[in-house]
């Protein structure tokens, strides 16, 4: 297969060697989260800059070098390589990760290759355009950087920024891209692949508003699984799941408390019909919870329960209408539906996702 070379620095002393470029990125699996994936078809990865977007004097040299592979050889890309000729000085000034690689005595990146005299930095599976974009910025080749990118491409860039710890170096560009995406591709109000792409972007770039939007959508999702899609959001997903379990656990605990309240011999009805009222409401709540599949009360981690499903089932719990024997003119006022919905309304409070400030950054 052909090898692609990018001469980013004219006096390059380093080659970043990207193996298996453009590997599958954040695959959306029906088996993991369900739903129709056709709704999340990828848009084009990069909006190509117009003639006015690029500094024509700052052209980039791209060489396609054919190897010995025949045209009838394998069509997979596992043998493909993309080489980026760059400056070690620019890399270490922006990336603590690369600085450690170059300075560590046990890292081969700190030793020049005996064949070409360059430092070799291996990389694998990254998107070639995303890596090119990041390296252009690190080498101050701003004229070669696109004015706008798609959500897909920004997520790919965010993964690189997280790995190489260089988000600050691209801040002026990411701010511009984010402002555009807030208009063209905002955070979805329903759970889908784009929700997780936004979560990744918001996590890496520290976007408080978008982050809590994505975690709130995730915590209220109907789907059982919450995958990471291979994105660097494992800590976020774990916290969302913890918050989901706490919210559901609180709701079930309050339903159990309500059952115990009606069941207790010390129950007091505001109208003085304590025995009749407690007996009727206890029986009605028990029966309705069983009917809606809420009894027996499940135990954590509630894999088969979603907050939205739980809320919908609670809304279906009916309140019995009855009249005290001593007065058949007016219906008894204790309303089971109101008591249950007071608990369901807490979903709104407990159902908000974690915020960035809930995490300890280090």
Protein backbone atom coordinates (compact mmCIF):
# COMPACT_ATOMS: atom_id res chain seq x y z
CA UNK A 1 0.00 0.00 0.00
CA UNK A 2 1.20 3.56 -0.61
CA UNK A 3 2.79 5.57 2.16
CA UNK A 4 1.76 9.16 2.72
CA UNK A 5 4.32 11.72 3.88
CA UNK A 6 3.53 15.15 5.34
CA UNK A 7 6.47 17.56 5.48
CA UNK A 8 5.14 19.87 8.18
CA UNK A 9 8.51 21.31 9.23
CA UNK A 10 11.12 22.10 6.58
CA UNK A 11 13.92 21.28 9.03
CA UNK A 12 12.25 18.30 10.64
CA UNK A 13 14.21 16.26 13.12
CA UNK A 14 11.33 13.95 14.05
CA UNK A 15 9.01 11.58 12.22
CA UNK A 16 5.65 10.65 13.70
CA UNK A 17 4.81 7.29 12.16
CA UNK A 18 1.08 6.62 12.16
CA UNK A 19 0.27 2.97 11.60
CA UNK A 20 -3.18 1.75 10.61
CA UNK A 21 -4.44 5.30 10.01
CA UNK A 22 -8.16 6.04 9.94
CA UNK A 23 -9.18 3.03 11.99
CA UNK A 24 -12.85 2.72 12.87
CA UNK A 25 -13.72 5.55 15.25
CA UNK A 26 -16.25 5.33 18.07
CA UNK A 27 -18.35 2.57 16.44
CA UNK A 28 -22.01 2.71 17.36
CA UNK A 29 -23.23 -0.82 18.07
CA UNK A 30 -26.87 -1.85 18.05
CA UNK A 31 -25.99 -4.66 20.44
CA UNK A 32 -24.64 -2.18 22.98
CA UNK A 33 -27.28 0.51 23.11
CA UNK A 34 -30.11 -0.38 20.73
CA UNK A 35 -31.93 1.96 18.43
CA UNK A 36 -31.67 2.89 14.78
CA UNK A 37 -28.12 3.82 13.87
CA UNK A 38 -29.16 5.27 10.53
CA UNK A 39 -30.12 8.41 12.39
CA UNK A 40 -26.48 8.97 13.28
CA UNK A 41 -24.83 8.72 9.89
CA UNK A 42 -21.52 10.51 9.86
CA UNK A 43 -21.27 13.86 8.19
CA UNK A 44 -18.13 14.72 6.26
CA UNK A 45 -15.23 14.82 8.65
CA UNK A 46 -13.78 18.18 7.74
CA UNK A 47 -15.38 21.13 6.04
CA UNK A 48 -12.76 21.93 3.46
CA UNK A 49 -11.43 25.47 3.77
CA UNK A 50 -12.27 27.77 0.92
CA UNK A 51 -9.63 29.62 -1.01
CA UNK A 52 -9.98 32.47 1.47
CA UNK A 53 -9.51 30.20 4.45
CA UNK A 54 -6.00 29.02 3.70
CA UNK A 55 -2.80 30.96 3.44
CA UNK A 56 -1.77 30.17 -0.12
CA UNK A 57 1.84 30.91 0.67
CA UNK A 58 1.96 28.28 3.39
CA UNK A 59 1.49 25.22 1.24
CA UNK A 60 2.14 21.79 2.62
CA UNK A 61 4.20 19.20 0.88
CA UNK A 62 2.46 15.87 0.52
CA UNK A 63 4.27 12.98 -1.10
CA UNK A 64 2.71 9.66 -2.00
CA UNK A 65 5.39 6.97 -1.97
CA UNK A 66 4.43 3.65 -3.50
CA UNK A 67 5.80 0.52 -1.89
CA UNK A 68 6.19 -2.92 -3.39
CA UNK A 69 2.60 -4.03 -2.75
CA UNK A 70 0.85 -5.19 -5.88
CA UNK A 71 -2.48 -3.81 -6.97
CA UNK A 72 -4.06 -7.19 -6.39
CA UNK A 73 -2.84 -7.36 -2.78
CA UNK A 74 -4.99 -7.06 0.33
CA UNK A 75 -7.33 -4.11 0.52
CA UNK A 76 -7.23 -3.68 4.30
CA UNK A 77 -5.31 -0.77 5.77
CA UNK A 78 -3.37 -2.57 8.50
CA UNK A 79 -0.12 -2.16 6.56
CA UNK A 80 -0.68 1.51 5.77
CA UNK A 81 1.54 4.17 7.29
CA UNK A 82 1.40 7.94 7.34
CA UNK A 83 4.60 9.81 8.18
CA UNK A 84 4.59 13.33 9.59
CA UNK A 85 7.93 15.14 9.48
CA UNK A 86 7.87 17.56 12.37
CA UNK A 87 9.96 19.52 14.85
CA UNK A 88 10.79 17.95 18.19
CA UNK A 89 11.02 21.40 19.75
CA UNK A 90 7.44 22.28 18.79
CA UNK A 91 6.14 18.97 20.09
CA UNK A 92 7.74 19.06 23.53
CA UNK A 93 6.77 22.69 24.12
CA UNK A 94 3.07 21.84 23.70
CA UNK A 95 2.74 18.24 24.88
CA UNK A 96 3.87 16.94 28.29
CA UNK A 97 3.26 13.43 27.00
CA UNK A 98 5.71 13.84 24.14
CA UNK A 99 8.15 15.69 26.36
CA UNK A 100 8.32 12.65 28.64
CA UNK A 101 8.83 10.39 25.65
CA UNK A 102 11.77 12.40 24.38
CA UNK A 103 13.41 12.97 27.75
CA UNK A 104 12.96 9.53 29.29
CA UNK A 105 16.03 7.32 29.21
CA UNK A 106 13.92 4.22 28.69
CA UNK A 107 11.97 5.64 25.75
CA UNK A 108 13.18 4.78 22.27
CA UNK A 109 11.68 8.09 21.10
CA UNK A 110 14.61 9.82 22.80
CA UNK A 111 17.15 8.15 20.50
CA UNK A 112 17.66 9.08 16.86
CA UNK A 113 17.07 6.35 14.32
CA UNK A 114 20.34 5.08 12.89
CA UNK A 115 18.94 4.89 9.36
CA UNK A 116 17.56 8.39 8.81
CA UNK A 117 18.91 10.27 11.83
CA UNK A 118 15.42 11.28 12.96
CA UNK A 119 13.58 10.75 16.21
CA UNK A 120 10.78 8.25 15.58
CA UNK A 121 7.48 8.61 17.43
CA UNK A 122 5.06 5.72 16.86
CA UNK A 123 1.31 6.22 16.71
CA UNK A 124 -1.52 3.92 15.80
CA UNK A 125 -5.17 4.05 14.70
CA UNK A 126 -5.52 7.85 14.86
CA UNK A 127 -7.42 9.68 12.17
CA UNK A 128 -4.79 11.01 9.76
CA UNK A 129 -6.57 14.32 9.11
CA UNK A 130 -7.16 14.95 12.80
CA UNK A 131 -3.50 14.34 13.61
CA UNK A 132 -2.44 16.54 10.71
CA UNK A 133 -4.69 19.34 11.97
CA UNK A 134 -3.22 19.15 15.49
CA UNK A 135 0.35 19.13 14.19
CA UNK A 136 -0.32 22.09 11.92
CA UNK A 137 -1.43 24.13 14.92
CA UNK A 138 1.53 23.03 17.04
CA UNK A 139 3.86 24.17 14.25
CA UNK A 140 2.06 27.51 13.89
CA UNK A 141 0.90 26.72 10.37
CA UNK A 142 -2.43 28.39 11.05
CA UNK A 143 -3.18 29.00 7.40
CA UNK A 144 -3.47 25.25 6.91
CA UNK A 145 -6.00 24.78 9.71
CA UNK A 146 -9.69 24.57 8.70
CA UNK A 147 -11.99 27.33 9.90
CA UNK A 148 -14.73 24.84 10.72
CA UNK A 149 -14.83 21.13 11.47
CA UNK A 150 -17.62 18.63 11.91
CA UNK A 151 -18.62 17.17 15.25
CA UNK A 152 -17.04 13.90 14.15
CA UNK A 153 -13.71 15.53 13.38
CA UNK A 154 -13.66 17.59 16.56
CA UNK A 155 -14.25 14.42 18.58
CA UNK A 156 -11.28 12.81 16.81
CA UNK A 157 -9.18 15.87 17.57
CA UNK A 158 -10.34 15.84 21.20
CA UNK A 159 -9.14 12.25 21.58
CA UNK A 160 -5.69 13.35 20.38
CA UNK A 161 -5.66 16.37 22.67
CA UNK A 162 -6.51 14.13 25.60
CA UNK A 163 -3.81 11.60 24.76
CA UNK A 164 -1.05 14.13 24.13
CA UNK A 165 -2.29 16.59 26.81
CA UNK A 166 -2.12 19.59 24.51
CA UNK A 167 -5.65 21.04 24.55
CA UNK A 168 -4.37 24.44 25.62
CA UNK A 169 -2.25 24.78 22.49
CA UNK A 170 -5.36 24.51 20.28
CA UNK A 171 -7.66 26.58 22.48
CA UNK A 172 -8.09 29.48 20.06
CA UNK A 173 -9.16 27.06 17.32
CA UNK A 174 -11.35 24.80 19.42
CA UNK A 175 -13.26 27.79 20.78
CA UNK A 176 -14.09 28.87 17.23
CA UNK A 177 -15.09 25.36 16.18
CA UNK A 178 -17.28 24.93 19.26
CA UNK A 179 -19.14 28.17 18.64
CA UNK A 180 -20.00 26.99 15.15
CA UNK A 181 -21.05 23.50 16.26
CA UNK A 182 -23.34 24.93 18.92
CA UNK A 183 -25.35 26.32 16.03
CA UNK A 184 -25.02 23.57 13.44
CA UNK A 185 -24.82 20.42 15.58
CA UNK A 186 -25.95 21.13 19.16
CA UNK A 187 -26.05 18.53 21.91
CA UNK A 188 -28.98 16.17 21.12
CA UNK A 189 -31.93 16.09 23.49
CA UNK A 190 -32.07 12.29 23.16
CA UNK A 191 -29.43 9.62 23.68
CA UNK A 192 -27.44 8.75 20.56
CA UNK A 193 -23.88 8.51 19.29
CA UNK A 194 -23.56 12.29 18.98
CA UNK A 195 -24.34 12.56 22.70
CA UNK A 196 -21.21 10.58 23.50
CA UNK A 197 -19.11 12.51 20.96
CA UNK A 198 -20.20 15.74 22.65
CA UNK A 199 -19.47 14.24 26.07
CA UNK A 200 -15.93 13.48 24.95
CA UNK A 201 -15.44 16.96 23.51
CA UNK A 202 -16.91 18.67 26.57
CA UNK A 203 -14.79 16.56 28.90
CA UNK A 204 -11.49 17.19 27.11
CA UNK A 205 -12.12 20.88 26.38
CA UNK A 206 -13.79 21.58 29.75
CA UNK A 207 -17.16 22.83 28.48
CA UNK A 208 -19.46 22.96 31.56
CA UNK A 209 -22.74 23.59 29.75
CA UNK A 210 -22.34 20.90 27.11
CA UNK A 211 -20.98 18.41 29.62
CA UNK A 212 -23.97 18.55 31.97
CA UNK A 213 -26.29 18.42 28.95
CA UNK A 214 -24.72 15.18 27.77
CA UNK A 215 -24.60 13.55 31.20
CA UNK A 216 -28.22 14.49 31.87
CA UNK A 217 -29.33 12.94 28.58
CA UNK A 218 -27.25 9.86 29.38
CA UNK A 219 -28.63 9.43 32.88
CA UNK A 220 -32.23 9.66 31.62
CA UNK A 221 -31.74 7.38 28.64
CA UNK A 222 -34.10 4.47 27.97
CA UNK A 223 -31.31 2.17 26.75
CA UNK A 224 -29.75 -0.18 29.27
CA UNK A 225 -26.10 0.07 28.28
CA UNK A 226 -23.91 3.17 28.38
CA UNK A 227 -20.85 2.44 26.23
CA UNK A 228 -17.72 4.57 26.00
CA UNK A 229 -17.32 3.80 22.26
CA UNK A 230 -13.59 3.67 22.94
CA UNK A 231 -13.55 7.38 23.82
CA UNK A 232 -11.63 8.72 26.85
CA UNK A 233 -14.80 9.13 28.90
CA UNK A 234 -14.69 6.06 31.13
CA UNK A 235 -14.61 8.16 34.29
CA UNK A 236 -17.61 10.15 33.01
CA UNK A 237 -19.63 7.05 32.17
CA UNK A 238 -18.85 5.54 35.58
CA UNK A 239 -20.04 8.71 37.33
CA UNK A 240 -23.22 8.85 35.22
CA UNK A 241 -24.01 5.25 36.11
CA UNK A 242 -23.36 5.95 39.78
CA UNK A 243 -25.72 8.93 39.67
CA UNK A 244 -28.35 6.85 37.84
CA UNK A 245 -28.21 4.13 40.49
CA UNK A 246 -28.48 6.70 43.27
CA UNK A 247 -31.49 8.37 41.66
CA UNK A 248 -33.33 5.10 41.05
CA UNK A 249 -32.40 3.82 44.50
CA UNK A 250 -33.77 6.98 46.11
CA UNK A 251 -37.08 6.65 44.27
CA UNK A 252 -37.55 3.01 45.22
CA UNK A 253 -36.58 3.80 48.80
CA UNK A 254 -39.25 6.50 48.98
CA UNK A 255 -41.86 4.18 47.52
CA UNK A 256 -40.94 1.61 50.15
CA UNK A 257 -41.20 4.29 52.85
CA UNK A 258 -44.64 5.23 51.55
CA UNK A 259 -45.78 1.62 51.77
CA UNK A 260 -44.48 1.41 55.33
CA UNK A 261 -46.21 4.68 56.22
CA UNK A 262 -49.62 3.37 55.10
CA UNK A 263 -48.96 -0.04 56.68
CA UNK A 264 -47.95 1.34 60.07
CA UNK A 265 -50.50 1.15 62.92
CA UNK A 266 -49.40 4.68 63.75
CA UNK A 267 -50.54 6.09 60.40
CA UNK A 268 -52.60 9.23 60.86
CA UNK A 269 -55.10 10.37 58.26
CA UNK A 270 -55.65 14.17 58.19
CA UNK A 271 -59.41 13.54 58.08
CA UNK A 272 -59.37 11.17 61.02
CA UNK A 273 -60.05 8.01 59.02
CA UNK A 274 -56.65 6.53 59.84
CA UNK A 275 -57.49 2.81 59.74
CA UNK A 276 -59.66 2.94 56.63
CA UNK A 277 -57.41 5.40 54.78
CA UNK A 278 -54.15 3.59 55.61
CA UNK A 279 -55.60 0.19 54.70
CA UNK A 280 -57.02 1.38 51.38
CA UNK A 281 -53.94 3.35 50.31
CA UNK A 282 -51.57 0.58 51.38
CA UNK A 283 -53.50 -2.02 49.41
CA UNK A 284 -53.87 0.24 46.39
CA UNK A 285 -50.18 1.18 46.30
CA UNK A 286 -49.05 -2.41 46.76
CA UNK A 287 -51.39 -3.61 44.02
CA UNK A 288 -50.47 -0.83 41.58
CA UNK A 289 -46.72 -1.25 42.13
CA UNK A 290 -47.06 -4.96 41.48
CA UNK A 291 -49.13 -4.25 38.38
CA UNK A 292 -46.46 -1.87 37.01
CA UNK A 293 -43.62 -4.25 37.76
CA UNK A 294 -42.28 -2.13 40.62
CA UNK A 295 -42.78 -4.81 43.23
CA UNK A 296 -40.90 -6.75 44.42
CA UNK A 297 -38.60 -3.74 44.58
CA UNK A 298 -35.41 -4.49 42.61
CA UNK A 299 -31.94 -4.09 44.02
CA UNK A 300 -28.96 -2.14 42.72
CA UNK A 301 -27.41 -1.79 40.19
CA UNK A 302 -30.83 -1.68 38.43
CA UNK A 303 -29.54 -2.82 35.05
CA UNK A 304 -33.07 -3.33 33.72
CA UNK A 305 -34.48 -0.02 34.97
CA UNK A 306 -34.25 3.43 33.41
CA UNK A 307 -35.25 6.66 35.11
CA UNK A 308 -37.65 7.62 32.34
CA UNK A 309 -39.30 4.19 32.39
CA UNK A 310 -39.62 4.33 36.17
CA UNK A 311 -41.19 7.78 36.01
CA UNK A 312 -43.67 6.68 33.35
CA UNK A 313 -44.74 3.67 35.41
CA UNK A 314 -45.25 5.80 38.50
CA UNK A 315 -47.52 8.12 36.54
CA UNK A 316 -49.77 5.11 35.86
CA UNK A 317 -50.35 4.37 39.54
CA UNK A 318 -54.01 5.10 40.27
CA UNK A 319 -55.57 6.45 43.43
CA UNK A 320 -58.72 4.74 44.76
CA UNK A 321 -61.84 6.85 45.12
CA UNK A 322 -63.79 6.13 48.29
CA UNK A 323 -66.28 7.74 50.64
CA UNK A 324 -66.22 7.38 54.43
CA UNK A 325 -69.17 5.41 55.77
CA UNK A 326 -70.20 8.25 58.03
CA UNK A 327 -70.46 10.71 55.19
CA UNK A 328 -71.24 9.61 51.66
CA UNK A 329 -71.65 13.13 50.33
CA UNK A 330 -67.95 13.94 49.94
CA UNK A 331 -65.11 11.79 48.62
CA UNK A 332 -62.16 11.15 50.89
CA UNK A 333 -59.43 13.66 50.04
CA UNK A 334 -56.25 11.60 50.60
CA UNK A 335 -54.86 11.15 47.09
CA UNK A 336 -52.39 8.35 46.39
CA UNK A 337 -51.51 9.77 42.98
CA UNK A 338 -50.32 13.05 44.48
CA UNK A 339 -48.16 11.25 47.02
CA UNK A 340 -46.57 9.06 44.37
CA UNK A 341 -46.04 11.91 41.92
CA UNK A 342 -44.33 13.93 44.63
CA UNK A 343 -41.74 11.17 44.59
CA UNK A 344 -41.68 11.00 40.79
CA UNK A 345 -41.09 14.74 40.61
CA UNK A 346 -37.84 14.19 42.45
CA UNK A 347 -36.60 12.51 39.27
CA UNK A 348 -36.15 15.99 37.86
CA UNK A 349 -33.75 16.86 40.64
CA UNK A 350 -31.97 13.54 40.96
CA UNK A 351 -32.01 12.97 37.22
CA UNK A 352 -29.57 15.74 36.36
CA UNK A 353 -26.22 14.42 35.25
CA UNK A 354 -22.85 15.08 36.87
CA UNK A 355 -21.17 18.42 36.23
CA UNK A 356 -17.52 19.10 35.50
CA UNK A 357 -17.11 20.60 38.95
CA UNK A 358 -18.05 17.21 40.43
CA UNK A 359 -14.75 15.80 39.21
CA UNK A 360 -11.39 16.37 40.80
CA UNK A 361 -9.01 17.36 38.05
CA UNK A 362 -5.35 16.69 38.53
